[in-house]
């Protein structure tokens, strides 16, 4: 399986619609790349979106529920 693009709409800190196209430069020719950014920029949210798309759940939120952190359903 090869992921061609990720489209995220209003997920956590990523407001509006965000798209990451892995078929466009510079990502299409990169063998490996890093997800970087400031605190709160949405790096973990991108990984959450991948987990949701592939598995229907996100481990980060499952762990939060296990230790008693309430997550609002919006």
PDB file of N, CA and C in Angstrom:
ATOM      1  N   UNK A   1       0.842  -1.167   0.000  1.00  0.00           N
ATOM      2  CA  UNK A   1       0.000   0.000   0.000  1.00  0.00           C
ATOM      3  C   UNK A   1       0.894   1.239   0.000  1.00  0.00           C
ATOM      4  N   UNK A   2       0.489   2.211  -0.772  1.00  0.00           N
ATOM      5  CA  UNK A   2       1.205   3.484  -0.821  1.00  0.00           C
ATOM      6  C   UNK A   2       0.193   4.601  -0.607  1.00  0.00           C
ATOM      7  N   UNK A   3       0.434   5.419   0.387  1.00  0.00           N
ATOM      8  CA  UNK A   3      -0.452   6.548   0.671  1.00  0.00           C
ATOM      9  C   UNK A   3      -0.100   7.676  -0.289  1.00  0.00           C
ATOM     10  N   UNK A   4      -1.079   8.122  -1.062  1.00  0.00           N
ATOM     11  CA  UNK A   4      -0.856   9.172  -2.053  1.00  0.00           C
ATOM     12  C   UNK A   4      -1.139  10.564  -1.503  1.00  0.00           C
ATOM     13  N   UNK A   5      -2.110  10.662  -0.602  1.00  0.00           N
ATOM     14  CA  UNK A   5      -2.460  11.969  -0.041  1.00  0.00           C
ATOM     15  C   UNK A   5      -3.205  11.774   1.269  1.00  0.00           C
ATOM     16  N   UNK A   6      -3.142  12.797   2.094  1.00  0.00           N
ATOM     17  CA  UNK A   6      -3.924  12.844   3.329  1.00  0.00           C
ATOM     18  C   UNK A   6      -4.727  14.130   3.282  1.00  0.00           C
ATOM     19  N   UNK A   7      -6.035  14.017   3.489  1.00  0.00           N
ATOM     20  CA  UNK A   7      -6.897  15.196   3.569  1.00  0.00           C
ATOM     21  C   UNK A   7      -7.506  15.223   4.963  1.00  0.00           C
ATOM     22  N   UNK A   8      -7.316  16.328   5.658  1.00  0.00           N
ATOM     23  CA  UNK A   8      -7.781  16.477   7.033  1.00  0.00           C
ATOM     24  C   UNK A   8      -8.704  17.689   7.085  1.00  0.00           C
ATOM     25  N   UNK A   9      -9.857  17.528   7.723  1.00  0.00           N
ATOM     26  CA  UNK A   9     -10.782  18.653   7.847  1.00  0.00           C
ATOM     27  C   UNK A   9     -11.173  18.827   9.312  1.00  0.00           C
ATOM     28  N   UNK A  10     -10.793  19.969   9.873  1.00  0.00           N
ATOM     29  CA  UNK A  10     -11.151  20.344  11.246  1.00  0.00           C
ATOM     30  C   UNK A  10     -10.845  19.246  12.258  1.00  0.00           C
ATOM     31  N   UNK A  11      -9.633  18.759  12.262  1.00  0.00           N
ATOM     32  CA  UNK A  11      -9.216  17.745  13.222  1.00  0.00           C
ATOM     33  C   UNK A  11      -8.212  18.366  14.182  1.00  0.00           C
ATOM     34  N   UNK A  12      -8.596  18.438  15.450  1.00  0.00           N
ATOM     35  CA  UNK A  12      -7.753  18.981  16.523  1.00  0.00           C
ATOM     36  C   UNK A  12      -7.236  20.374  16.154  1.00  0.00           C
ATOM     37  N   UNK A  13      -5.917  20.554  16.128  1.00  0.00           N
ATOM     38  CA  UNK A  13      -5.349  21.892  15.906  1.00  0.00           C
ATOM     39  C   UNK A  13      -5.323  22.304  14.436  1.00  0.00           C
ATOM     40  N   UNK A  14      -5.709  21.422  13.532  1.00  0.00           N
ATOM     41  CA  UNK A  14      -5.699  21.743  12.097  1.00  0.00           C
ATOM     42  C   UNK A  14      -7.092  22.190  11.671  1.00  0.00           C
ATOM     43  N   UNK A  15      -7.335  23.491  11.737  1.00  0.00           N
ATOM     44  CA  UNK A  15      -8.631  24.047  11.357  1.00  0.00           C
ATOM     45  C   UNK A  15      -8.761  24.107   9.848  1.00  0.00           C
ATOM     46  N   UNK A  16      -9.989  24.017   9.371  1.00  0.00           N
ATOM     47  CA  UNK A  16     -10.235  24.068   7.938  1.00  0.00           C
ATOM     48  C   UNK A  16      -9.798  22.779   7.273  1.00  0.00           C
ATOM     49  N   UNK A  17      -9.508  22.852   5.996  1.00  0.00           N
ATOM     50  CA  UNK A  17      -9.091  21.672   5.241  1.00  0.00           C
ATOM     51  C   UNK A  17      -7.596  21.734   4.979  1.00  0.00           C
ATOM     52  N   UNK A  18      -6.916  20.657   5.305  1.00  0.00           N
ATOM     53  CA  UNK A  18      -5.476  20.539   5.096  1.00  0.00           C
ATOM     54  C   UNK A  18      -5.226  19.325   4.222  1.00  0.00           C
ATOM     55  N   UNK A  19      -4.376  19.456   3.223  1.00  0.00           N
ATOM     56  CA  UNK A  19      -4.044  18.317   2.368  1.00  0.00           C
ATOM     57  C   UNK A  19      -2.531  18.192   2.252  1.00  0.00           C
ATOM     58  N   UNK A  20      -2.067  16.963   2.398  1.00  0.00           N
ATOM     59  CA  UNK A  20      -0.657  16.646   2.173  1.00  0.00           C
ATOM     60  C   UNK A  20      -0.623  15.705   0.983  1.00  0.00           C
ATOM     61  N   UNK A  21      -0.033  16.151  -0.112  1.00  0.00           N
ATOM     62  CA  UNK A  21       0.025  15.381  -1.355  1.00  0.00           C
ATOM     63  C   UNK A  21       1.411  14.762  -1.494  1.00  0.00           C
ATOM     64  N   UNK A  22       1.487  13.454  -1.321  1.00  0.00           N
ATOM     65  CA  UNK A  22       2.771  12.760  -1.397  1.00  0.00           C
ATOM     66  C   UNK A  22       3.224  12.515  -2.836  1.00  0.00           C
ATOM     67  N   UNK A  23       2.379  12.866  -3.819  1.00  0.00           N
ATOM     68  CA  UNK A  23       2.758  12.697  -5.223  1.00  0.00           C
ATOM     69  C   UNK A  23       3.389  13.962  -5.798  1.00  0.00           C
ATOM     70  N   UNK A  24       3.391  15.051  -5.017  1.00  0.00           N
ATOM     71  CA  UNK A  24       3.969  16.329  -5.460  1.00  0.00           C
ATOM     72  C   UNK A  24       5.334  16.535  -4.809  1.00  0.00           C
ATOM     73  N   UNK A  25       6.152  17.343  -5.460  1.00  0.00           N
ATOM     74  CA  UNK A  25       7.459  17.698  -4.888  1.00  0.00           C
ATOM     75  C   UNK A  25       7.255  18.549  -3.641  1.00  0.00           C
ATOM     76  N   UNK A  26       8.100  18.493  -2.677  1.00  0.00           N
ATOM     77  CA  UNK A  26       9.325  17.703  -2.599  1.00  0.00           C
ATOM     78  C   UNK A  26       9.119  16.295  -2.049  1.00  0.00           C
ATOM     79  N   UNK A  27       7.887  15.953  -1.676  1.00  0.00           N
ATOM     80  CA  UNK A  27       7.663  14.659  -1.022  1.00  0.00           C
ATOM     81  C   UNK A  27       7.782  13.462  -1.954  1.00  0.00           C
ATOM     82  N   UNK A  28       7.412  13.609  -3.234  1.00  0.00           N
ATOM     83  CA  UNK A  28       7.413  12.449  -4.135  1.00  0.00           C
ATOM     84  C   UNK A  28       8.812  11.908  -4.398  1.00  0.00           C
ATOM     85  N   UNK A  29       9.814  12.740  -4.329  1.00  0.00           N
ATOM     86  CA  UNK A  29      11.174  12.263  -4.597  1.00  0.00           C
ATOM     87  C   UNK A  29      11.969  12.005  -3.315  1.00  0.00           C
ATOM     88  N   UNK A  30      11.347  12.237  -2.166  1.00  0.00           N
ATOM     89  CA  UNK A  30      12.046  12.035  -0.892  1.00  0.00           C
ATOM     90  C   UNK A  30      11.937  10.579  -0.462  1.00  0.00           C
ATOM     91  N   UNK A  31      13.056   9.994  -0.119  1.00  0.00           N
ATOM     92  CA  UNK A  31      13.032   8.637   0.396  1.00  0.00           C
ATOM     93  C   UNK A  31      12.510   8.595   1.819  1.00  0.00           C
ATOM     94  N   UNK A  32      12.814   9.642   2.551  1.00  0.00           N
ATOM     95  CA  UNK A  32      12.374   9.775   3.933  1.00  0.00           C
ATOM     96  C   UNK A  32      12.230  11.265   4.226  1.00  0.00           C
ATOM     97  N   UNK A  33      11.323  11.618   5.114  1.00  0.00           N
ATOM     98  CA  UNK A  33      11.146  13.022   5.467  1.00  0.00           C
ATOM     99  C   UNK A  33      10.718  13.116   6.921  1.00  0.00           C
ATOM    100  N   UNK A  34      10.828  14.296   7.477  1.00  0.00           N
ATOM    101  CA  UNK A  34      10.468  14.539   8.872  1.00  0.00           C
ATOM    102  C   UNK A  34       9.246  15.446   8.942  1.00  0.00           C
ATOM    103  N   UNK A  35       8.435  15.229   9.952  1.00  0.00           N
ATOM    104  CA  UNK A  35       7.317  16.123  10.238  1.00  0.00           C
ATOM    105  C   UNK A  35       7.798  17.042  11.354  1.00  0.00           C
ATOM    106  N   UNK A  36       7.970  18.315  11.037  1.00  0.00           N
ATOM    107  CA  UNK A  36       8.498  19.264  12.018  1.00  0.00           C
ATOM    108  C   UNK A  36       7.551  20.448  12.170  1.00  0.00           C
ATOM    109  N   UNK A  37       7.695  21.153  13.274  1.00  0.00           N
ATOM    110  CA  UNK A  37       6.890  22.340  13.499  1.00  0.00           C
ATOM    111  C   UNK A  37       6.879  22.711  14.961  1.00  0.00           C
ATOM    112  N   UNK A  38       6.321  23.855  15.232  1.00  0.00           N
ATOM    113  CA  UNK A  38       6.243  24.354  16.605  1.00  0.00           C
ATOM    114  C   UNK A  38       5.255  23.524  17.419  1.00  0.00           C
ATOM    115  N   UNK A  39       5.339  23.670  18.730  1.00  0.00           N
ATOM    116  CA  UNK A  39       4.386  23.013  19.617  1.00  0.00           C
ATOM    117  C   UNK A  39       2.974  23.465  19.261  1.00  0.00           C
ATOM    118  N   UNK A  40       2.068  22.520  19.111  1.00  0.00           N
ATOM    119  CA  UNK A  40       0.687  22.842  18.781  1.00  0.00           C
ATOM    120  C   UNK A  40       0.419  23.046  17.307  1.00  0.00           C
ATOM    121  N   UNK A  41       1.408  22.815  16.459  1.00  0.00           N
ATOM    122  CA  UNK A  41       1.248  23.052  15.021  1.00  0.00           C
ATOM    123  C   UNK A  41       0.434  21.963  14.327  1.00  0.00           C
ATOM    124  N   UNK A  42       0.326  20.773  14.937  1.00  0.00           N
ATOM    125  CA  UNK A  42      -0.477  19.713  14.337  1.00  0.00           C
ATOM    126  C   UNK A  42       0.298  18.490  13.888  1.00  0.00           C
ATOM    127  N   UNK A  43       1.531  18.339  14.336  1.00  0.00           N
ATOM    128  CA  UNK A  43       2.347  17.180  13.925  1.00  0.00           C
ATOM    129  C   UNK A  43       1.699  15.865  14.359  1.00  0.00           C
ATOM    130  N   UNK A  44       1.320  15.775  15.614  1.00  0.00           N
ATOM    131  CA  UNK A  44       0.678  14.555  16.114  1.00  0.00           C
ATOM    132  C   UNK A  44      -0.695  14.358  15.483  1.00  0.00           C
ATOM    133  N   UNK A  45      -1.358  15.442  15.155  1.00  0.00           N
ATOM    134  CA  UNK A  45      -2.670  15.362  14.522  1.00  0.00           C
ATOM    135  C   UNK A  45      -2.578  14.706  13.149  1.00  0.00           C
ATOM    136  N   UNK A  46      -1.504  14.963  12.422  1.00  0.00           N
ATOM    137  CA  UNK A  46      -1.297  14.313  11.124  1.00  0.00           C
ATOM    138  C   UNK A  46      -1.192  12.801  11.317  1.00  0.00           C
ATOM    139  N   UNK A  47      -0.454  12.377  12.330  1.00  0.00           N
ATOM    140  CA  UNK A  47      -0.333  10.945  12.608  1.00  0.00           C
ATOM    141  C   UNK A  47      -1.660  10.368  13.091  1.00  0.00           C
ATOM    142  N   UNK A  48      -2.422  11.139  13.871  1.00  0.00           N
ATOM    143  CA  UNK A  48      -3.754  10.701  14.289  1.00  0.00           C
ATOM    144  C   UNK A  48      -4.655  10.484  13.077  1.00  0.00           C
ATOM    145  N   UNK A  49      -4.578  11.380  12.098  1.00  0.00           N
ATOM    146  CA  UNK A  49      -5.387  11.250  10.884  1.00  0.00           C
ATOM    147  C   UNK A  49      -5.043   9.968  10.137  1.00  0.00           C
ATOM    148  N   UNK A  50      -3.759   9.651  10.055  1.00  0.00           N
ATOM    149  CA  UNK A  50      -3.346   8.397   9.413  1.00  0.00           C
ATOM    150  C   UNK A  50      -3.909   7.189  10.149  1.00  0.00           C
ATOM    151  N   UNK A  51      -3.795   7.201  11.469  1.00  0.00           N
ATOM    152  CA  UNK A  51      -4.322   6.090  12.270  1.00  0.00           C
ATOM    153  C   UNK A  51      -5.832   5.953  12.105  1.00  0.00           C
ATOM    154  N   UNK A  52      -6.546   7.076  12.110  1.00  0.00           N
ATOM    155  CA  UNK A  52      -7.996   7.031  11.913  1.00  0.00           C
ATOM    156  C   UNK A  52      -8.357   6.441  10.559  1.00  0.00           C
ATOM    157  N   UNK A  53      -7.642   6.856   9.529  1.00  0.00           N
ATOM    158  CA  UNK A  53      -7.930   6.369   8.176  1.00  0.00           C
ATOM    159  C   UNK A  53      -7.637   4.881   8.037  1.00  0.00           C
ATOM    160  N   UNK A  54      -6.548   4.426   8.633  1.00  0.00           N
ATOM    161  CA  UNK A  54      -6.133   3.031   8.465  1.00  0.00           C
ATOM    162  C   UNK A  54      -6.807   2.071   9.435  1.00  0.00           C
ATOM    163  N   UNK A  55      -7.039   2.516  10.674  1.00  0.00           N
ATOM    164  CA  UNK A  55      -7.501   1.601  11.719  1.00  0.00           C
ATOM    165  C   UNK A  55      -8.810   2.002  12.388  1.00  0.00           C
ATOM    166  N   UNK A  56      -9.320   3.197  12.089  1.00  0.00           N
ATOM    167  CA  UNK A  56     -10.574   3.635  12.682  1.00  0.00           C
ATOM    168  C   UNK A  56     -10.465   4.092  14.129  1.00  0.00           C
ATOM    169  N   UNK A  57      -9.248   4.236  14.647  1.00  0.00           N
ATOM    170  CA  UNK A  57      -9.046   4.712  16.013  1.00  0.00           C
ATOM    171  C   UNK A  57      -7.649   5.306  16.130  1.00  0.00           C
ATOM    172  N   UNK A  58      -7.435   6.062  17.196  1.00  0.00           N
ATOM    173  CA  UNK A  58      -6.119   6.656  17.425  1.00  0.00           C
ATOM    174  C   UNK A  58      -5.602   6.211  18.785  1.00  0.00           C
ATOM    175  N   UNK A  59      -4.437   5.596  18.838  1.00  0.00           N
ATOM    176  CA  UNK A  59      -3.878   5.135  20.115  1.00  0.00           C
ATOM    177  C   UNK A  59      -3.706   6.254  21.137  1.00  0.00           C
ATOM    178  N   UNK A  60      -3.402   7.446  20.683  1.00  0.00           N
ATOM    179  CA  UNK A  60      -3.187   8.563  21.610  1.00  0.00           C
ATOM    180  C   UNK A  60      -4.447   8.851  22.417  1.00  0.00           C
ATOM    181  N   UNK A  61      -5.615   8.812  21.779  1.00  0.00           N
ATOM    182  CA  UNK A  61      -6.858   9.087  22.489  1.00  0.00           C
ATOM    183  C   UNK A  61      -7.302   7.897  23.320  1.00  0.00           C
ATOM    184  N   UNK A  62      -7.001   6.686  22.884  1.00  0.00           N
ATOM    185  CA  UNK A  62      -7.318   5.505  23.685  1.00  0.00           C
ATOM    186  C   UNK A  62      -6.531   5.533  24.990  1.00  0.00           C
ATOM    187  N   UNK A  63      -5.264   5.913  24.936  1.00  0.00           N
ATOM    188  CA  UNK A  63      -4.436   6.003  26.143  1.00  0.00           C
ATOM    189  C   UNK A  63      -4.962   7.082  27.082  1.00  0.00           C
ATOM    190  N   UNK A  64      -5.419   8.180  26.542  1.00  0.00           N
ATOM    191  CA  UNK A  64      -5.948   9.261  27.376  1.00  0.00           C
ATOM    192  C   UNK A  64      -7.170   8.782  28.150  1.00  0.00           C
ATOM    193  N   UNK A  65      -8.045   8.027  27.506  1.00  0.00           N
ATOM    194  CA  UNK A  65      -9.236   7.509  28.179  1.00  0.00           C
ATOM    195  C   UNK A  65      -8.850   6.535  29.287  1.00  0.00           C
ATOM    196  N   UNK A  66      -7.804   5.738  29.059  1.00  0.00           N
ATOM    197  CA  UNK A  66      -7.368   4.755  30.051  1.00  0.00           C
ATOM    198  C   UNK A  66      -6.887   5.415  31.337  1.00  0.00           C
ATOM    199  N   UNK A  67      -6.280   6.595  31.238  1.00  0.00           N
ATOM    200  CA  UNK A  67      -5.778   7.256  32.444  1.00  0.00           C
ATOM    201  C   UNK A  67      -6.760   8.296  32.977  1.00  0.00           C
ATOM    202  N   UNK A  68      -7.954   8.339  32.397  1.00  0.00           N
ATOM    203  CA  UNK A  68      -9.015   9.176  32.938  1.00  0.00           C
ATOM    204  C   UNK A  68      -9.113  10.582  32.398  1.00  0.00           C
ATOM    205  N   UNK A  69      -8.469  10.879  31.290  1.00  0.00           N
ATOM    206  CA  UNK A  69      -8.588  12.201  30.684  1.00  0.00           C
ATOM    207  C   UNK A  69      -9.839  12.213  29.813  1.00  0.00           C
ATOM    208  N   UNK A  70     -10.705  13.182  30.055  1.00  0.00           N
ATOM    209  CA  UNK A  70     -11.941  13.268  29.283  1.00  0.00           C
ATOM    210  C   UNK A  70     -11.674  13.943  27.943  1.00  0.00           C
ATOM    211  N   UNK A  71     -12.170  13.330  26.885  1.00  0.00           N
ATOM    212  CA  UNK A  71     -12.025  13.896  25.542  1.00  0.00           C
ATOM    213  C   UNK A  71     -13.414  14.265  25.047  1.00  0.00           C
ATOM    214  N   UNK A  72     -13.583  15.520  24.694  1.00  0.00           N
ATOM    215  CA  UNK A  72     -14.889  15.991  24.235  1.00  0.00           C
ATOM    216  C   UNK A  72     -15.180  15.490  22.840  1.00  0.00           C
ATOM    217  N   UNK A  73     -16.399  15.071  22.629  1.00  0.00           N
ATOM    218  CA  UNK A  73     -16.857  14.647  21.313  1.00  0.00           C
ATOM    219  C   UNK A  73     -17.532  15.840  20.654  1.00  0.00           C
ATOM    220  N   UNK A  74     -16.914  16.373  19.604  1.00  0.00           N
ATOM    221  CA  UNK A  74     -17.478  17.552  18.939  1.00  0.00           C
ATOM    222  C   UNK A  74     -18.017  17.215  17.576  1.00  0.00           C
TER     223      UNK A  74
END
